[in-house]
C-alpha atoms as a PDB file:
ATOM      1  CA  MET A   1       0.374  43.746  73.649  1.00  0.00           C
ATOM      2  CA  THR A   2       0.586  41.090  71.012  1.00  0.00           C
ATOM      3  CA  VAL A   3       3.936  40.781  69.304  1.00  0.00           C
ATOM      4  CA  PRO A   4       3.767  39.994  65.595  1.00  0.00           C
ATOM      5  CA  ALA A   5       4.433  36.340  64.983  1.00  0.00           C
ATOM      6  CA  GLN A   6       7.560  35.036  63.308  1.00  0.00           C
ATOM      7  CA  ARG A   7       9.772  38.001  64.099  1.00  0.00           C
ATOM      8  CA  SER A   8      12.921  37.496  62.092  1.00  0.00           C
ATOM      9  CA  GLY A   9      16.504  38.004  63.072  1.00  0.00           C
ATOM     10  CA  SER A  10      17.299  39.343  59.597  1.00  0.00           C
ATOM     11  CA  PRO A  11      19.596  42.335  59.660  1.00  0.00           C
ATOM     12  CA  ILE A  12      18.337  45.850  58.922  1.00  0.00           C
ATOM     13  CA  GLY A  13      20.491  48.359  57.150  1.00  0.00           C
ATOM     14  CA  ARG A  14      21.012  47.011  53.657  1.00  0.00           C
ATOM     15  CA  HIS A  15      19.029  46.590  50.472  1.00  0.00           C
ATOM     16  CA  ASP A  16      15.333  45.816  50.076  1.00  0.00           C
ATOM     17  CA  VAL A  17      12.598  46.695  52.596  1.00  0.00           C
ATOM     18  CA  ALA A  18       9.618  45.243  50.705  1.00  0.00           C
ATOM     19  CA  GLY A  19       7.051  43.438  52.832  1.00  0.00           C
ATOM     20  CA  PHE A  20       8.482  44.699  56.128  1.00  0.00           C
ATOM     21  CA  ALA A  21       5.420  46.644  57.222  1.00  0.00           C
ATOM     22  CA  GLY A  22       3.280  43.574  56.812  1.00  0.00           C
ATOM     23  CA  GLY A  23       5.220  41.699  59.444  1.00  0.00           C
ATOM     24  CA  VAL A  24       7.350  39.743  56.966  1.00  0.00           C
ATOM     25  CA  ALA A  25      10.996  40.549  57.462  1.00  0.00           C
ATOM     26  CA  PRO A  26      12.914  41.731  54.396  1.00  0.00           C
ATOM     27  CA  ARG A  27      15.684  39.464  53.241  1.00  0.00           C
ATOM     28  CA  TYR A  28      18.749  41.585  53.839  1.00  0.00           C
ATOM     29  CA  HIS A  29      22.208  40.250  53.200  1.00  0.00           C
ATOM     30  CA  GLY A  30      25.017  40.263  55.682  1.00  0.00           C
ATOM     31  CA  VAL A  31      25.364  39.339  59.332  1.00  0.00           C
ATOM     32  CA  ALA A  32      24.719  41.571  62.307  1.00  0.00           C
ATOM     33  CA  VAL A  33      27.981  42.173  64.151  1.00  0.00           C
ATOM     34  CA  ARG A  34      26.579  43.420  67.445  1.00  0.00           C
ATOM     35  CA  PRO A  35      26.352  40.612  70.021  1.00  0.00           C
ATOM     36  CA  HIS A  36      23.151  39.944  71.936  1.00  0.00           C
ATOM     37  CA  ARG A  37      23.253  41.439  75.390  1.00  0.00           C
ATOM     38  CA  ARG A  38      22.097  39.557  78.424  1.00  0.00           C
ATOM     39  CA  GLN A  39      19.867  40.761  81.180  1.00  0.00           C
ATOM     40  CA  GLY A  40      20.684  40.625  84.860  1.00  0.00           C
ATOM     41  CA  ASN A  41      19.572  37.035  85.262  1.00  0.00           C
ATOM     42  CA  GLY A  42      21.891  35.907  82.479  1.00  0.00           C
ATOM     43  CA  MET A  43      19.039  34.983  80.147  1.00  0.00           C
ATOM     44  CA  GLU A  44      18.724  36.508  76.710  1.00  0.00           C
ATOM     45  CA  ALA A  45      15.912  39.051  76.460  1.00  0.00           C
ATOM     46  CA  THR A  46      12.789  37.869  74.697  1.00  0.00           C
ATOM     47  CA  MET A  47      10.768  39.955  72.286  1.00  0.00           C
ATOM     48  CA  ALA A  48       8.067  40.297  74.933  1.00  0.00           C
ATOM     49  CA  ASP A  49      10.632  41.737  77.355  1.00  0.00           C
ATOM     50  CA  VAL A  50      11.723  44.265  74.760  1.00  0.00           C
ATOM     51  CA  THR A  51       8.266  45.481  73.839  1.00  0.00           C
ATOM     52  CA  VAL A  52       7.148  45.730  77.463  1.00  0.00           C
ATOM     53  CA  ALA A  53      10.232  47.782  78.242  1.00  0.00           C
ATOM     54  CA  GLY A  54       9.470  50.038  75.300  1.00  0.00           C
ATOM     55  CA  GLY A  55       5.855  50.620  76.248  1.00  0.00           C
ATOM     56  CA  GLY A  56       2.949  51.138  73.902  1.00  0.00           C
ATOM     57  CA  SER A  57       2.905  54.918  73.442  1.00  0.00           C
ATOM     58  CA  ALA A  58       6.513  56.050  73.614  1.00  0.00           C
ATOM     59  CA  LEU A  59       7.612  58.379  70.822  1.00  0.00           C
ATOM     60  CA  VAL A  60      10.684  57.145  68.976  1.00  0.00           C
ATOM     61  CA  CYS A  61      12.381  59.450  66.480  1.00  0.00           C
ATOM     62  CA  ILE A  62      14.650  58.253  63.690  1.00  0.00           C
ATOM     63  CA  VAL A  63      17.273  60.421  61.978  1.00  0.00           C
ATOM     64  CA  ASP A  64      18.888  58.664  59.031  1.00  0.00           C
ATOM     65  CA  ASP A  65      19.535  59.956  55.516  1.00  0.00           C
ATOM     66  CA  ASN A  66      18.963  56.481  54.061  1.00  0.00           C
ATOM     67  CA  ALA A  67      15.280  56.296  53.138  1.00  0.00           C
ATOM     68  CA  GLU A  68      15.251  52.475  53.074  1.00  0.00           C
ATOM     69  CA  VAL A  69      16.650  52.215  56.585  1.00  0.00           C
ATOM     70  CA  ARG A  70      14.208  54.847  57.849  1.00  0.00           C
ATOM     71  CA  GLY A  71      11.301  53.000  56.292  1.00  0.00           C
ATOM     72  CA  ALA A  72      12.332  49.610  57.642  1.00  0.00           C
ATOM     73  CA  MET A  73      12.875  50.871  61.181  1.00  0.00           C
ATOM     74  CA  GLU A  74       9.694  52.928  61.159  1.00  0.00           C
ATOM     75  CA  SER A  75       7.671  49.884  60.097  1.00  0.00           C
ATOM     76  CA  LEU A  76       9.286  47.701  62.747  1.00  0.00           C
ATOM     77  CA  LEU A  77       8.642  50.164  65.553  1.00  0.00           C
ATOM     78  CA  ARG A  78       5.068  50.848  64.474  1.00  0.00           C
ATOM     79  CA  SER A  79       4.441  47.095  64.442  1.00  0.00           C
ATOM     80  CA  THR A  80       5.284  47.085  68.168  1.00  0.00           C
ATOM     81  CA  ASP A  81       2.897  49.975  68.881  1.00  0.00           C
ATOM     82  CA  HIS A  82       5.433  52.771  69.222  1.00  0.00           C
ATOM     83  CA  ARG A  83       4.689  56.220  67.905  1.00  0.00           C
ATOM     84  CA  VAL A  84       7.340  57.007  65.313  1.00  0.00           C
ATOM     85  CA  LEU A  85       8.604  60.087  63.506  1.00  0.00           C
ATOM     86  CA  ALA A  86      11.337  59.723  60.891  1.00  0.00           C
ATOM     87  CA  PHE A  87      13.614  62.503  59.652  1.00  0.00           C
ATOM     88  CA  ALA A  88      16.194  62.657  56.868  1.00  0.00           C
ATOM     89  CA  SER A  89      18.363  65.214  58.681  1.00  0.00           C
ATOM     90  CA  PRO A  90      19.082  66.483  62.192  1.00  0.00           C
ATOM     91  CA  GLU A  91      17.813  69.920  61.159  1.00  0.00           C
ATOM     92  CA  GLU A  92      14.380  68.445  60.458  1.00  0.00           C
ATOM     93  CA  PHE A  93      14.371  66.716  63.822  1.00  0.00           C
ATOM     94  CA  LEU A  94      15.443  69.806  65.762  1.00  0.00           C
ATOM     95  CA  ALA A  95      12.833  71.922  63.960  1.00  0.00           C
ATOM     96  CA  SER A  96      10.090  69.527  65.027  1.00  0.00           C
ATOM     97  CA  ALA A  97       7.945  70.457  68.010  1.00  0.00           C
ATOM     98  CA  GLU A  98       8.070  66.784  68.998  1.00  0.00           C
ATOM     99  CA  ALA A  99      11.846  66.732  69.559  1.00  0.00           C
ATOM    100  CA  THR A 100      11.771  67.370  73.301  1.00  0.00           C
ATOM    101  CA  GLY A 101       9.001  64.823  73.824  1.00  0.00           C
ATOM    102  CA  ALA A 102      10.826  61.884  72.260  1.00  0.00           C
ATOM    103  CA  ALA A 103      11.617  58.937  74.507  1.00  0.00           C
ATOM    104  CA  CYS A 104      14.331  57.638  72.170  1.00  0.00           C
ATOM    105  CA  LEU A 105      16.311  58.993  69.242  1.00  0.00           C
ATOM    106  CA  LEU A 106      17.797  56.564  66.737  1.00  0.00           C
ATOM    107  CA  LEU A 107      20.561  58.654  65.191  1.00  0.00           C
ATOM    108  CA  ASP A 108      22.824  57.723  62.302  1.00  0.00           C
ATOM    109  CA  VAL A 109      26.455  58.707  62.839  1.00  0.00           C
ATOM    110  CA  TYR A 110      27.337  59.395  59.201  1.00  0.00           C
ATOM    111  CA  LEU A 111      24.703  61.765  57.845  1.00  0.00           C
ATOM    112  CA  ASP A 112      24.828  63.745  54.636  1.00  0.00           C
ATOM    113  CA  GLY A 113      26.607  66.951  55.650  1.00  0.00           C
ATOM    114  CA  ALA A 114      26.422  66.213  59.387  1.00  0.00           C
ATOM    115  CA  ASP A 115      28.195  64.229  62.086  1.00  0.00           C
ATOM    116  CA  GLY A 116      25.833  62.278  64.337  1.00  0.00           C
ATOM    117  CA  LEU A 117      28.217  62.560  67.277  1.00  0.00           C
ATOM    118  CA  GLU A 118      28.204  66.340  66.924  1.00  0.00           C
ATOM    119  CA  VAL A 119      24.412  66.270  66.727  1.00  0.00           C
ATOM    120  CA  GLN A 120      24.378  64.291  69.962  1.00  0.00           C
ATOM    121  CA  GLN A 121      26.406  67.033  71.643  1.00  0.00           C
ATOM    122  CA  ALA A 122      24.186  69.737  70.145  1.00  0.00           C
ATOM    123  CA  LEU A 123      21.171  68.069  71.751  1.00  0.00           C
ATOM    124  CA  ARG A 124      22.833  68.244  75.155  1.00  0.00           C
ATOM    125  CA  ASP A 125      23.760  71.886  74.569  1.00  0.00           C
ATOM    126  CA  ARG A 126      20.083  72.612  73.898  1.00  0.00           C
ATOM    127  CA  ALA A 127      19.071  70.719  77.064  1.00  0.00           C
ATOM    128  CA  ILE A 128      17.315  68.039  75.013  1.00  0.00           C
ATOM    129  CA  PHE A 129      18.095  64.953  77.039  1.00  0.00           C
ATOM    130  CA  VAL A 130      16.438  62.322  74.886  1.00  0.00           C
ATOM    131  CA  PRO A 131      18.237  58.960  75.186  1.00  0.00           C
ATOM    132  CA  VAL A 132      20.223  58.452  71.980  1.00  0.00           C
ATOM    133  CA  VAL A 133      20.926  55.171  70.196  1.00  0.00           C
ATOM    134  CA  LEU A 134      23.621  55.736  67.581  1.00  0.00           C
ATOM    135  CA  MET A 135      23.741  53.741  64.346  1.00  0.00           C
ATOM    136  CA  THR A 136      26.600  53.323  61.902  1.00  0.00           C
ATOM    137  CA  GLY A 137      27.888  51.074  59.179  1.00  0.00           C
ATOM    138  CA  GLN A 138      31.485  51.912  60.024  1.00  0.00           C
ATOM    139  CA  GLY A 139      31.775  51.582  63.778  1.00  0.00           C
ATOM    140  CA  ASP A 140      35.084  51.288  65.579  1.00  0.00           C
ATOM    141  CA  ILE A 141      36.157  51.198  69.213  1.00  0.00           C
ATOM    142  CA  PRO A 142      37.278  54.865  69.492  1.00  0.00           C
ATOM    143  CA  MET A 143      33.984  56.012  67.994  1.00  0.00           C
ATOM    144  CA  THR A 144      32.011  53.807  70.370  1.00  0.00           C
ATOM    145  CA  VAL A 145      33.932  55.131  73.366  1.00  0.00           C
ATOM    146  CA  ARG A 146      33.367  58.714  72.257  1.00  0.00           C
ATOM    147  CA  ALA A 147      29.659  58.081  71.772  1.00  0.00           C
ATOM    148  CA  MET A 148      29.226  56.483  75.175  1.00  0.00           C
ATOM    149  CA  LYS A 149      31.151  59.263  76.898  1.00  0.00           C
ATOM    150  CA  ALA A 150      28.807  61.744  75.261  1.00  0.00           C
ATOM    151  CA  GLY A 151      25.871  59.883  76.795  1.00  0.00           C
ATOM    152  CA  ALA A 152      24.678  57.494  74.094  1.00  0.00           C
ATOM    153  CA  VAL A 153      22.528  54.677  75.449  1.00  0.00           C
ATOM    154  CA  ASP A 154      23.668  52.185  72.824  1.00  0.00           C
ATOM    155  CA  PHE A 155      25.652  51.878  69.606  1.00  0.00           C
ATOM    156  CA  LEU A 156      24.295  49.716  66.782  1.00  0.00           C
ATOM    157  CA  THR A 157      26.439  48.604  63.856  1.00  0.00           C
ATOM    158  CA  LYS A 158      24.634  48.129  60.534  1.00  0.00           C
ATOM    159  CA  PRO A 159      23.311  45.728  59.494  1.00  0.00           C
ATOM    160  CA  PHE A 160      21.557  45.041  62.798  1.00  0.00           C
ATOM    161  CA  THR A 161      18.677  42.709  63.599  1.00  0.00           C
ATOM    162  CA  GLU A 162      15.134  43.582  64.568  1.00  0.00           C
ATOM    163  CA  ASP A 163      15.687  42.179  68.040  1.00  0.00           C
ATOM    164  CA  GLU A 164      18.713  44.399  68.517  1.00  0.00           C
ATOM    165  CA  VAL A 165      16.783  47.495  67.500  1.00  0.00           C
ATOM    166  CA  LEU A 166      13.912  46.695  69.843  1.00  0.00           C
ATOM    167  CA  GLN A 167      16.286  45.835  72.694  1.00  0.00           C
ATOM    168  CA  ALA A 168      18.097  49.156  72.344  1.00  0.00           C
ATOM    169  CA  VAL A 169      14.882  51.150  71.968  1.00  0.00           C
ATOM    170  CA  GLY A 170      13.329  49.388  74.968  1.00  0.00           C
ATOM    171  CA  GLU A 171      16.283  50.265  77.174  1.00  0.00           C
ATOM    172  CA  ALA A 172      16.281  53.874  75.947  1.00  0.00           C
ATOM    173  CA  VAL A 173      12.552  54.287  76.629  1.00  0.00           C
ATOM    174  CA  ALA A 174      12.919  52.751  80.103  1.00  0.00           C
ATOM    175  CA  LEU A 175      15.741  55.195  80.844  1.00  0.00           C
ATOM    176  CA  ASP A 176      13.619  58.103  79.608  1.00  0.00           C
ATOM    177  CA  ARG A 177      10.765  57.059  81.889  1.00  0.00           C
ATOM    178  CA  ARG A 178      13.092  56.893  84.895  1.00  0.00           C
ATOM    179  CA  ARG A 179      14.495  60.326  84.110  1.00  0.00           C
ATOM    180  CA  ARG A 180      11.064  61.864  83.678  1.00  0.00           C
ATOM    181  CA  SER A 181       9.917  60.273  86.930  1.00  0.00           C
ATOM    182  CA  GLU A 182      12.930  61.687  88.748  1.00  0.00           C
ATOM    183  CA  ARG A 183      12.344  65.137  87.264  1.00  0.00           C
ATOM    184  CA  GLY A 184       8.713  64.943  88.357  1.00  0.00           C
ATOM    185  CA  GLU A 185       9.791  63.990  91.868  1.00  0.00           C
ATOM    186  CA  ASP A 186      12.280  66.857  91.937  1.00  0.00           C
ATOM    187  CA  ASP A 187       9.576  69.313  90.885  1.00  0.00           C
ATOM    188  CA  ALA A 188       7.288  67.996  93.607  1.00  0.00           C
ATOM    189  CA  VAL A 189      10.003  68.442  96.240  1.00  0.00           C
ATOM    190  CA  ARG A 190      10.627  72.019  95.082  1.00  0.00           C
ATOM    191  CA  GLY A 191       6.922  72.714  95.307  1.00  0.00           C
ATOM    192  CA  LEU A 192       6.792  71.478  98.901  1.00  0.00           C
ATOM    193  CA  TYR A 193       9.921  73.428  99.817  1.00  0.00           C
ATOM    194  CA  GLY A 194       8.316  76.595  98.490  1.00  0.00           C
ATOM    195  CA  LYS A 195       5.672  76.292 101.223  1.00  0.00           C
ATOM    196  CA  LEU A 196       8.201  76.436 104.063  1.00  0.00           C
ATOM    197  CA  THR A 197       8.723  79.628 106.041  1.00  0.00           C
ATOM    198  CA  PRO A 198      12.202  81.202 105.959  1.00  0.00           C
ATOM    199  CA  ARG A 199      12.882  79.956 109.477  1.00  0.00           C
ATOM    200  CA  GLU A 200      11.782  76.420 108.595  1.00  0.00           C
ATOM    201  CA  ARG A 201      14.212  76.506 105.681  1.00  0.00           C
ATOM    202  CA  ASP A 202      17.007  77.566 108.026  1.00  0.00           C
ATOM    203  CA  VAL A 203      16.209  74.671 110.332  1.00  0.00           C
ATOM    204  CA  MET A 204      16.027  72.214 107.444  1.00  0.00           C
ATOM    205  CA  ALA A 205      19.461  73.257 106.170  1.00  0.00           C
ATOM    206  CA  LEU A 206      21.065  72.690 109.552  1.00  0.00           C
ATOM    207  CA  VAL A 207      19.163  69.559 110.569  1.00  0.00           C
ATOM    208  CA  THR A 208      20.071  67.853 107.285  1.00  0.00           C
ATOM    209  CA  ALA A 209      23.707  68.805 107.885  1.00  0.00           C
ATOM    210  CA  GLY A 210      23.584  66.549 110.933  1.00  0.00           C
ATOM    211  CA  LEU A 211      23.174  69.113 113.691  1.00  0.00           C
ATOM    212  CA  MET A 212      21.199  68.179 116.799  1.00  0.00           C
ATOM    213  CA  ASN A 213      18.253  70.310 117.894  1.00  0.00           C
ATOM    214  CA  LYS A 214      20.226  72.094 120.603  1.00  0.00           C
ATOM    215  CA  GLN A 215      22.995  72.879 118.124  1.00  0.00           C
ATOM    216  CA  VAL A 216      20.482  74.265 115.629  1.00  0.00           C
ATOM    217  CA  ALA A 217      18.981  76.335 118.439  1.00  0.00           C
ATOM    218  CA  ALA A 218      22.375  77.792 119.342  1.00  0.00           C
ATOM    219  CA  LYS A 219      23.190  78.517 115.709  1.00  0.00           C
ATOM    220  CA  LEU A 220      19.907  80.309 115.054  1.00  0.00           C
ATOM    221  CA  GLU A 221      19.628  81.829 118.533  1.00  0.00           C
ATOM    222  CA  LEU A 222      16.352  80.089 119.229  1.00  0.00           C
ATOM    223  CA  SER A 223      15.102  77.928 122.055  1.00  0.00           C
ATOM    224  CA  GLU A 224      15.361  74.188 121.581  1.00  0.00           C
ATOM    225  CA  VAL A 225      11.581  73.899 121.939  1.00  0.00           C
ATOM    226  CA  THR A 226      11.096  76.361 119.055  1.00  0.00           C
ATOM    227  CA  VAL A 227      13.505  74.376 116.898  1.00  0.00           C
ATOM    228  CA  LYS A 228      11.561  71.187 117.618  1.00  0.00           C
ATOM    229  CA  ILE A 229       8.327  72.912 116.563  1.00  0.00           C
ATOM    230  CA  HIS A 230       9.884  74.180 113.323  1.00  0.00           C
ATOM    231  CA  ARG A 231      11.372  70.769 112.671  1.00  0.00           C
ATOM    232  CA  GLY A 232       8.045  69.025 113.148  1.00  0.00           C
ATOM    233  CA  ASN A 233       6.278  71.510 110.917  1.00  0.00           C
ATOM    234  CA  LEU A 234       8.791  71.227 108.080  1.00  0.00           C
ATOM    235  CA  MET A 235       8.826  67.425 108.252  1.00  0.00           C
ATOM    236  CA  ARG A 236       5.058  67.476 107.852  1.00  0.00           C
ATOM    237  CA  LYS A 237       5.082  70.037 105.041  1.00  0.00           C
ATOM    238  CA  MET A 238       7.827  68.176 103.158  1.00  0.00           C
ATOM    239  CA  HIS A 239       5.997  64.848 103.618  1.00  0.00           C
ATOM    240  CA  ALA A 240       9.221  63.417 105.048  1.00  0.00           C
ATOM    241  CA  GLN A 241       8.816  60.165 106.947  1.00  0.00           C
ATOM    242  CA  SER A 242      12.307  60.246 108.402  1.00  0.00           C
ATOM    243  CA  LEU A 243      15.450  62.346 108.661  1.00  0.00           C
ATOM    244  CA  ALA A 244      16.921  60.272 105.838  1.00  0.00           C
ATOM    245  CA  ASP A 245      13.997  61.348 103.614  1.00  0.00           C
ATOM    246  CA  LEU A 246      14.619  64.963 104.528  1.00  0.00           C
ATOM    247  CA  VAL A 247      18.343  64.676 103.779  1.00  0.00           C
ATOM    248  CA  ARG A 248      17.570  63.229 100.340  1.00  0.00           C
ATOM    249  CA  MET A 249      15.215  66.118  99.637  1.00  0.00           C
ATOM    250  CA  ALA A 250      17.812  68.642 100.783  1.00  0.00           C
ATOM    251  CA  GLU A 251      20.285  67.086  98.348  1.00  0.00           C
ATOM    252  CA  ILE A 252      17.785  67.406  95.497  1.00  0.00           C
ATOM    253  CA  LEU A 253      17.204  71.053  96.419  1.00  0.00           C
ATOM    254  CA  GLY A 254      20.855  71.824  97.074  1.00  0.00           C
ATOM    255  CA  VAL A 255      19.993  73.437 100.435  1.00  0.00           C
ATOM    256  CA  ARG A 256      21.922  71.189 102.776  1.00  0.00           C
ATOM    257  CA  GLU A 257      24.297  73.310 104.848  1.00  0.00           C
ATOM    258  CA  ARG A 258      27.870  72.372 103.943  1.00  0.00           C
ATOM    259  CA  THR A 259      29.854  74.727 106.157  1.00  0.00           C
ATOM    260  CA  VAL A 260      28.940  73.150 109.496  1.00  0.00           C
ATOM    261  CA  THR A 261      28.728  69.669 110.977  1.00  0.00           C
ATOM    262  CA  ARG A 262      27.589  68.257 114.270  1.00  0.00           C
ATOM    263  CA  TYR A 263      31.208  68.174 115.397  1.00  0.00           C
ATOM    264  CA  SER A 264      32.087  71.725 114.373  1.00  0.00           C
ATOM    265  CA  VAL A 265      29.290  73.383 116.323  1.00  0.00           C
ATOM    266  CA  ALA A 266      29.327  73.782 120.068  1.00  0.00           C
ATOM    267  CA  GLY A 267      26.519  72.212 122.001  1.00  0.00           C
END
């Protein structure tokens, strides 16, 4: 994806937004106070890194009661090929059918008649686990700590630069993709587990607890040969390449037997 040329470091969050949608940064006053973060290799992220991380079709939602800020951020994100929905209040966002599909929520802390931190908690209570980037013009350390403890991905202090917005959004979208991938994997594991017979499930619970075949056989009052057959069948059905794979799946499912170990069972 082509990044618009001459991306400015001008801060967003104050005054005029004219010309922003056309790729010309508005001339805001003030200095962004949030320092640039560095990636794992110690080099500052480039705009290309940010937009690749954000992807081309991720839905980013903005909740801010300042129309100028909403407009500026919406224009910036659309210019980098994100899908964007902007809302003046958390009620509008929560009433939207798109809320649960958002990959990132840019949420102002100080909203008219609402507290962004409380909105963040309300999202969790409703099992809406969209990665949240909080924004404020009055940030302090206690507020930042509270936000991060509540699960915020990032905390931007107005006025912030375009690069900072895109960096935060990119990281939030990447996190959302990882979470969705993990949820998809979990669903797949549950689907495979549903195909096991009751006896195969019994064997899986004990094998993943560390019991040897002869111990499983004694526990279930089966022959060791029968246990080996069940074990082979369940490994195949679960698409497990190794015992370690099976243990990981048992952890996802919560079916690993916790009351016994190899050393607590005779055999």
